[in-house]
Amino acid sequence: MKSTNLLITGATGSVGTQLVNTLVNMNVSFKALVRNNDQGDLMAHLPQTEIAIGDLSDSDSLVQALQGIEKAFLLTNSSEQAEELQLSFVDAAYKAGVKHIVKLSQLAANENSPVRFLRYHAVVENRIKELGMNYTFLRPNLFMQGLIAFGHSIKYEGKFYGSLGNAAVSAVDIRDIAGVAAKVLTENGHENKIYNITGEESLTHFQMAEILSRILKTEISYVDLNSEQMHGALTVAGFPEWQIGGLIEDYAHYARGEAFEISNTVSNITGKPAIGFEQFVHDHLKFFK
């Protein structure tokens, strides 16, 4: 077993679960930071996995969990406090002597962005730099798996929704994000690098609907909404106001054509081509059919 003195946050989320599985398959040992014993119990069966209980809002618990850690993966679930919690983690990691933070960020992160999520990621990135720690910032594009949220409407209405017009987006499969993260966490040579992570092609949502229709053998339509309609739909779906505002800003970012570029990060880092949208659909048929 390889010992890498790794700590993984966000290990029970969508990307984190894929990353943990990848590390286990690579026979890499690591420590997973979880909020409570229930989350720890979910992971207790995994080999090479040490569980640490810690709260991102509790600096003392973080410093304790980070003792002996050389490299940490920073990922938090989407929340109104995400920036504050990530900054707390970064400061605790610095105090604990962590040498390298690999942060899951977002494509086009910038403190001057009109998109709140892109601003907060940039604030955290800049804090890591200011402290003089080694960093690797992974900046993925729109997750293909986000489409699963529309699984019910695709399955029963033949429709999914958005507000990005005819703009193409180089969406990425979270399995590829995890693959890149696993390599960066277990190899040298990725210090102080920023990696944009995209899929192998740039597609409009209308083109995605055509692919879904062909694979599912039924007519699937993409319904483009304006921002007011999108706000109403997300409100009905039960999203909190802060998240609705952020998602609408995200969609506007896509609609401006700011997320169409394709990077070769997945193939360059993992040695495998990025998973295409057609493959994603085939692999997730149970959600759509």
Protein backbone atom coordinates (compact mmCIF):
# COMPACT_ATOMS: atom_id res chain seq x y z
CA MET A 1 0.00 0.00 0.00
CA LYS A 2 1.29 3.47 -0.91
CA SER A 3 1.15 6.00 1.93
CA THR A 4 0.69 9.53 0.63
CA ASN A 5 -0.32 11.52 3.73
CA LEU A 6 -3.44 12.68 1.92
CA LEU A 7 -6.60 14.20 3.33
CA ILE A 8 -9.80 14.33 1.28
CA THR A 9 -12.68 16.68 2.04
CA GLY A 10 -16.10 16.34 0.40
CA ALA A 11 -15.56 12.59 0.24
CA THR A 12 -19.27 11.69 0.37
CA GLY A 13 -20.41 14.03 -2.42
CA SER A 14 -20.67 13.26 -6.13
CA VAL A 15 -17.10 14.16 -7.15
CA GLY A 16 -15.68 13.06 -3.80
CA THR A 17 -17.25 9.60 -4.03
CA GLN A 18 -15.71 9.10 -7.48
CA LEU A 19 -12.34 10.34 -6.21
CA VAL A 20 -12.41 8.02 -3.20
CA ASN A 21 -13.25 5.03 -5.42
CA THR A 22 -10.43 5.94 -7.78
CA LEU A 23 -7.89 6.22 -4.95
CA VAL A 24 -9.02 2.89 -3.47
CA ASN A 25 -8.61 1.23 -6.89
CA MET A 26 -5.11 2.75 -7.09
CA ASN A 27 -4.27 1.22 -3.68
CA VAL A 28 -3.61 4.67 -2.21
CA SER A 29 -4.17 5.28 1.50
CA PHE A 30 -5.81 8.50 2.61
CA LYS A 31 -7.72 10.20 5.41
CA ALA A 32 -11.31 11.32 4.73
CA LEU A 33 -12.65 14.30 6.65
CA VAL A 34 -16.36 13.89 7.45
CA ARG A 35 -18.74 15.97 9.53
CA ASN A 36 -20.18 13.25 11.73
CA ASN A 37 -20.14 9.56 12.63
CA ASP A 38 -22.99 8.77 10.23
CA GLN A 39 -20.89 9.92 7.28
CA GLY A 40 -17.92 8.06 8.72
CA ASP A 41 -19.97 4.86 8.92
CA LEU A 42 -20.75 5.14 5.20
CA MET A 43 -17.03 4.95 4.42
CA ALA A 44 -15.82 2.67 7.20
CA HIS A 45 -15.83 -0.42 4.95
CA LEU A 46 -13.38 1.06 2.45
CA PRO A 47 -9.80 -0.22 2.53
CA GLN A 48 -6.92 2.25 2.93
CA THR A 49 -9.32 4.77 4.44
CA GLU A 50 -8.87 6.51 7.78
CA ILE A 51 -11.85 8.54 8.99
CA ALA A 52 -11.43 11.91 10.69
CA ILE A 53 -14.39 13.77 12.21
CA GLY A 54 -14.12 17.51 11.73
CA ASP A 55 -16.19 20.61 11.07
CA LEU A 56 -15.03 23.16 8.53
CA SER A 57 -16.35 25.90 10.82
CA ASP A 58 -14.28 24.59 13.76
CA SER A 59 -10.64 25.52 13.25
CA ASP A 60 -9.37 23.41 16.16
CA SER A 61 -10.97 20.22 14.84
CA LEU A 62 -9.51 20.92 11.41
CA VAL A 63 -5.98 21.52 12.68
CA GLN A 64 -6.17 18.25 14.60
CA ALA A 65 -7.45 16.31 11.57
CA LEU A 66 -4.70 17.82 9.42
CA GLN A 67 -1.77 16.76 11.60
CA GLY A 68 0.78 14.84 9.52
CA ILE A 69 -1.00 15.66 6.25
CA GLU A 70 1.20 16.87 3.39
CA LYS A 71 -1.40 17.24 0.64
CA ALA A 72 -5.12 18.02 0.98
CA PHE A 73 -8.01 17.97 -1.46
CA LEU A 74 -10.43 20.85 -0.85
CA LEU A 75 -14.05 20.42 -1.90
CA THR A 76 -17.17 21.56 -0.07
CA ASN A 77 -20.80 21.12 -0.95
CA SER A 78 -22.60 24.11 -2.42
CA SER A 79 -23.80 26.36 0.39
CA GLU A 80 -24.18 30.02 1.24
CA GLN A 81 -21.19 29.68 3.58
CA ALA A 82 -18.90 27.87 1.11
CA GLU A 83 -16.37 30.70 0.80
CA GLU A 84 -16.13 31.16 4.57
CA LEU A 85 -15.78 27.42 5.21
CA GLN A 86 -13.12 26.96 2.56
CA LEU A 87 -11.12 29.91 3.88
CA SER A 88 -11.34 28.35 7.35
CA PHE A 89 -9.96 25.10 5.97
CA VAL A 90 -7.12 26.87 4.15
CA ASP A 91 -6.06 28.75 7.28
CA ALA A 92 -6.19 25.55 9.37
CA ALA A 93 -4.16 23.69 6.75
CA TYR A 94 -1.53 26.41 6.84
CA LYS A 95 -1.34 26.25 10.65
CA ALA A 96 -1.06 22.45 10.52
CA GLY A 97 1.87 22.60 8.09
CA VAL A 98 0.11 21.19 5.02
CA LYS A 99 2.41 21.75 2.07
CA HIS A 100 0.02 21.46 -0.90
CA ILE A 101 -3.71 22.09 -1.41
CA VAL A 102 -5.50 20.71 -4.45
CA LYS A 103 -8.69 22.76 -4.72
CA LEU A 104 -11.71 21.92 -6.82
CA SER A 105 -12.59 25.30 -8.29
CA GLN A 106 -14.61 26.27 -11.37
CA LEU A 107 -13.77 27.25 -14.94
CA ALA A 108 -13.28 31.03 -15.27
CA ALA A 109 -12.88 31.66 -11.52
CA ASN A 110 -12.20 35.37 -11.08
CA GLU A 111 -12.67 37.79 -8.19
CA ASN A 112 -14.18 40.36 -10.60
CA SER A 113 -16.66 37.95 -12.21
CA PRO A 114 -20.38 38.83 -12.21
CA VAL A 115 -20.96 35.20 -11.14
CA ARG A 116 -20.89 34.79 -7.36
CA PHE A 117 -19.63 31.21 -7.48
CA LEU A 118 -16.70 32.22 -9.70
CA ARG A 119 -15.87 35.07 -7.32
CA TYR A 120 -15.81 32.88 -4.22
CA HIS A 121 -13.62 30.23 -5.84
CA ALA A 122 -11.14 32.96 -6.84
CA VAL A 123 -11.10 34.41 -3.31
CA VAL A 124 -10.15 31.00 -1.89
CA GLU A 125 -7.56 30.39 -4.63
CA ASN A 126 -5.95 33.75 -3.90
CA ARG A 127 -5.85 33.06 -0.15
CA ILE A 128 -3.93 29.82 -0.79
CA LYS A 129 -1.46 31.74 -2.96
CA GLU A 130 -1.07 34.52 -0.38
CA LEU A 131 -0.09 32.00 2.29
CA GLY A 132 2.70 30.70 0.06
CA MET A 133 1.44 27.11 -0.03
CA ASN A 134 1.84 24.90 -3.08
CA TYR A 135 -1.43 24.70 -4.96
CA THR A 136 -3.15 22.98 -7.83
CA PHE A 137 -6.46 24.50 -8.89
CA LEU A 138 -8.76 22.17 -10.79
CA ARG A 139 -11.28 24.23 -12.74
CA PRO A 140 -13.95 21.99 -14.27
CA ASN A 141 -16.70 23.15 -16.58
CA LEU A 142 -20.41 22.31 -16.24
CA PHE A 143 -20.91 18.77 -14.89
CA MET A 144 -22.67 16.36 -17.25
CA GLN A 145 -24.14 14.74 -14.13
CA GLY A 146 -26.08 17.95 -13.51
CA LEU A 147 -28.49 16.66 -16.15
CA ILE A 148 -29.55 13.90 -13.75
CA ALA A 149 -31.48 16.56 -11.83
CA PHE A 150 -33.78 16.68 -14.87
CA GLY A 151 -34.09 12.89 -15.00
CA HIS A 152 -37.75 12.88 -13.96
CA SER A 153 -38.80 15.47 -16.54
CA ILE A 154 -36.75 13.76 -19.28
CA LYS A 155 -38.27 10.40 -18.42
CA TYR A 156 -41.90 11.50 -18.05
CA GLU A 157 -42.21 14.75 -20.02
CA GLY A 158 -39.52 14.36 -22.67
CA LYS A 159 -38.08 17.75 -21.68
CA PHE A 160 -35.27 19.42 -19.78
CA TYR A 161 -34.75 23.09 -19.07
CA GLY A 162 -32.12 25.79 -18.95
CA SER A 163 -31.46 29.41 -19.85
CA LEU A 164 -28.32 29.45 -21.95
CA GLY A 165 -29.82 29.84 -25.42
CA ASN A 166 -27.81 28.30 -28.24
CA ALA A 167 -24.44 28.62 -26.49
CA ALA A 168 -22.14 25.59 -26.62
CA VAL A 169 -20.57 24.29 -23.41
CA SER A 170 -17.72 21.78 -23.07
CA ALA A 171 -19.42 19.91 -20.22
CA VAL A 172 -17.35 17.31 -18.35
CA ASP A 173 -18.12 13.99 -16.68
CA ILE A 174 -17.35 13.99 -12.95
CA ARG A 175 -15.53 10.68 -13.37
CA ASP A 176 -12.93 12.55 -15.41
CA ILE A 177 -12.66 15.26 -12.76
CA ALA A 178 -11.98 12.55 -10.18
CA GLY A 179 -9.45 10.90 -12.48
CA VAL A 180 -7.50 14.13 -12.86
CA ALA A 181 -7.71 14.85 -9.12
CA ALA A 182 -6.41 11.38 -8.23
CA LYS A 183 -3.37 11.81 -10.48
CA VAL A 184 -2.61 15.29 -9.15
CA LEU A 185 -2.90 14.07 -5.55
CA THR A 186 -0.57 11.10 -6.05
CA GLU A 187 2.06 12.47 -8.44
CA ASN A 188 4.69 15.18 -8.28
CA GLY A 189 4.99 17.88 -10.90
CA HIS A 190 1.56 19.48 -10.50
CA GLU A 191 2.61 22.12 -7.99
CA ASN A 192 1.39 25.68 -8.64
CA LYS A 193 -0.60 24.70 -11.73
CA ILE A 194 -4.11 25.62 -12.84
CA TYR A 195 -5.93 22.98 -14.88
CA ASN A 196 -9.10 23.70 -16.82
CA ILE A 197 -11.08 20.45 -17.04
CA THR A 198 -13.59 20.03 -19.88
CA GLY A 199 -15.15 17.35 -22.01
CA GLU A 200 -13.90 16.37 -25.44
CA GLU A 201 -16.53 18.39 -27.31
CA SER A 202 -18.57 21.54 -26.96
CA LEU A 203 -22.33 21.05 -27.32
CA THR A 204 -25.42 23.21 -27.11
CA HIS A 205 -28.28 21.96 -24.97
CA PHE A 206 -30.26 21.54 -28.18
CA GLN A 207 -27.55 19.16 -29.44
CA MET A 208 -27.66 17.33 -26.11
CA ALA A 209 -31.41 16.90 -26.62
CA GLU A 210 -30.77 15.37 -30.06
CA ILE A 211 -28.29 12.89 -28.57
CA LEU A 212 -30.71 11.99 -25.78
CA SER A 213 -33.49 11.48 -28.33
CA ARG A 214 -31.36 9.15 -30.43
CA ILE A 215 -30.09 7.06 -27.52
CA LEU A 216 -33.41 6.92 -25.64
CA LYS A 217 -35.33 6.34 -28.90
CA THR A 218 -37.91 8.95 -27.97
CA GLU A 219 -38.27 12.69 -28.59
CA ILE A 220 -36.46 14.75 -25.95
CA SER A 221 -36.62 18.55 -26.14
CA TYR A 222 -34.53 21.25 -24.55
CA VAL A 223 -36.74 24.14 -23.38
CA ASP A 224 -34.89 27.44 -23.16
CA LEU A 225 -36.21 29.79 -20.49
CA ASN A 226 -35.48 33.43 -19.81
CA SER A 227 -34.00 34.32 -16.43
CA GLU A 228 -37.38 35.22 -14.91
CA GLN A 229 -38.89 31.90 -15.98
CA MET A 230 -35.82 30.07 -14.69
CA HIS A 231 -36.12 31.86 -11.36
CA GLY A 232 -39.73 30.75 -11.07
CA ALA A 233 -38.97 27.16 -12.02
CA LEU A 234 -36.12 26.89 -9.50
CA THR A 235 -38.29 28.45 -6.81
CA VAL A 236 -41.04 25.89 -7.43
CA ALA A 237 -38.38 23.15 -7.34
CA GLY A 238 -37.47 24.28 -3.81
CA PHE A 239 -34.06 25.85 -4.33
CA PRO A 240 -33.08 28.54 -1.77
CA GLU A 241 -32.83 32.12 -3.02
CA TRP A 242 -29.02 32.35 -2.76
CA GLN A 243 -28.62 29.24 -4.93
CA ILE A 244 -31.23 30.39 -7.46
CA GLY A 245 -29.35 33.65 -7.93
CA GLY A 246 -26.06 31.82 -8.33
CA LEU A 247 -27.43 29.30 -10.82
CA ILE A 248 -28.99 32.05 -12.95
CA GLU A 249 -25.63 33.85 -12.97
CA ASP A 250 -23.98 30.56 -13.98
CA TYR A 251 -26.43 30.13 -16.87
CA ALA A 252 -25.79 33.71 -18.00
CA HIS A 253 -22.05 32.93 -17.95
CA TYR A 254 -22.68 29.93 -20.24
CA ALA A 255 -25.05 31.93 -22.46
CA ARG A 256 -22.34 34.54 -23.05
CA GLY A 257 -20.24 31.83 -24.69
CA GLU A 258 -17.67 31.82 -21.89
CA ALA A 259 -17.59 28.03 -21.40
CA PHE A 260 -17.18 26.55 -24.87
CA GLU A 261 -13.41 26.10 -25.03
CA ILE A 262 -12.04 22.57 -24.92
CA SER A 263 -8.97 21.66 -22.87
CA ASN A 264 -6.81 18.54 -23.15
CA THR A 265 -6.32 18.26 -19.39
CA VAL A 266 -8.12 14.93 -19.01
CA SER A 267 -6.08 13.15 -21.68
CA ASN A 268 -2.83 14.91 -20.72
CA ILE A 269 -3.10 14.04 -17.02
CA THR A 270 -4.87 10.66 -17.06
CA GLY A 271 -3.65 9.32 -20.41
CA LYS A 272 -7.25 8.57 -21.41
CA PRO A 273 -9.64 10.56 -23.62
CA ALA A 274 -12.36 12.50 -21.87
CA ILE A 275 -15.73 10.75 -21.57
CA GLY A 276 -18.10 11.99 -24.28
CA PHE A 277 -21.71 13.04 -23.73
CA GLU A 278 -23.02 9.99 -25.57
CA GLN A 279 -21.07 7.70 -23.25
CA PHE A 280 -22.37 9.61 -20.25
CA VAL A 281 -25.97 9.06 -21.39
CA HIS A 282 -25.40 5.34 -22.05
CA ASP A 283 -23.84 4.95 -18.60
CA HIS A 284 -26.75 6.71 -16.85
CA LEU A 285 -29.75 5.33 -18.74
CA LYS A 286 -31.52 4.37 -15.51
CA PHE A 287 -32.03 8.08 -14.73
CA PHE A 288 -33.52 8.95 -18.13
CA LYS A 289 -35.39 5.89 -19.36
